[in-house]
Amino acid sequence: MPANLRETNSDIDNTNLLLNNQEIIIDEENPTMFRRKKLEEKESKAQNDGPKHKPKPKSPTWKGEHAKSIVYGGLDAIVTCFSLISSISSGGKMSSVDVLVLGFANLMADGISMGFGDYVSSSTENKMVALEKDVTEWEVDNNGVSEMRSLVGRYRSLGMDPHDAATVVKIFSKYKNIMVEEEMMGQKGMLSSSEDDKPWKSGLVTFVSFLLFGSAPLLSFIILIPFTDNDNIKFIGACILSALALALLGLAKAKISGEGYGVSALVTLSNGAIAAATAYAIGWTLRNVAGLEEP
């Protein structure tokens, strides 16, 4: 433990923490540090009153670290690609090959952009957190008492007894790493990055998810080319495959977050439908109302 923290501890051992002009005495000889007697009385009363608590919330089935990248990349890919197909189909003059060329070119370009964007944003956030952690460590080393008082104030604002808050913070002050983490999380709302947290992984997951889900609307044109030349049928097939992909992504999102399957699927489907309808309407309007047609 740094010398200044040891000095801070020794100062607090026989003195007090001041918060809002209120003196909080830390009783070193008190054997019931966290007022166990009061806690036991509350627990006993709760047992006598019977079970009145809410049932335990359902825990997420999957707690994958890249869930955000998968859902975000997949949803954006489906909506973007299907909206592109919708705007092209509104004109009715482009062949299936043209749709596939534009679709896959757009899919690859957007996938690279999305993956790189996820990587850059994640790495930037990690660097910002690391820099803020250095600042917090300096504050703990040089302004120990002030940092302890701020933690006491936070715990009191959460409903902790003043005596208990001061006692807990005094114990934390013996361990610099705990003090730093508490300050980072409680005062600044940041969590230190894990060594396993690699920004390039998030970028790669976003890229792969974008390609996989974004290919769904285009599969209709690939599958139906040998069987029909009717672009309307292929577009209907793209609508069906896009709806299935959106519903699947909504179900996966519900599985991860624990929300209702029906609501989650409906939200993702509505998002895709609104975006595609908007793209189709704009394409049709520009061609038929504004007269943006090739001579």
Foldseek 3Di string as FASTA:
>chain_A
DDPQLVVVLVVLVQAFAADPNDTAHADPPDPCQQPVVVVVVVVVVCVVVPDPDDDDDDAFPDDDPLLVLLLVLLLVLLLVLLLLVLLVVLVVPDFLVVSVVVSVVVLLVVLLVQLVVQLVVLVVVLVVLVVVLVVLLVCCNPVVSVLLNVQLVQVVVVPGDSNNSNSVSSVQSVPSVSSSQCCCCRVVNDHHDDPPDHSSVSSVSSSVSSNVSNCQLSVLSVVCVVPDRDVVNSSVNSVVSSLVSQLVSQQVVCSRPVDDSVVSSVVSNVVSVVSNVVSNVVSNCCCPPVVPDDD
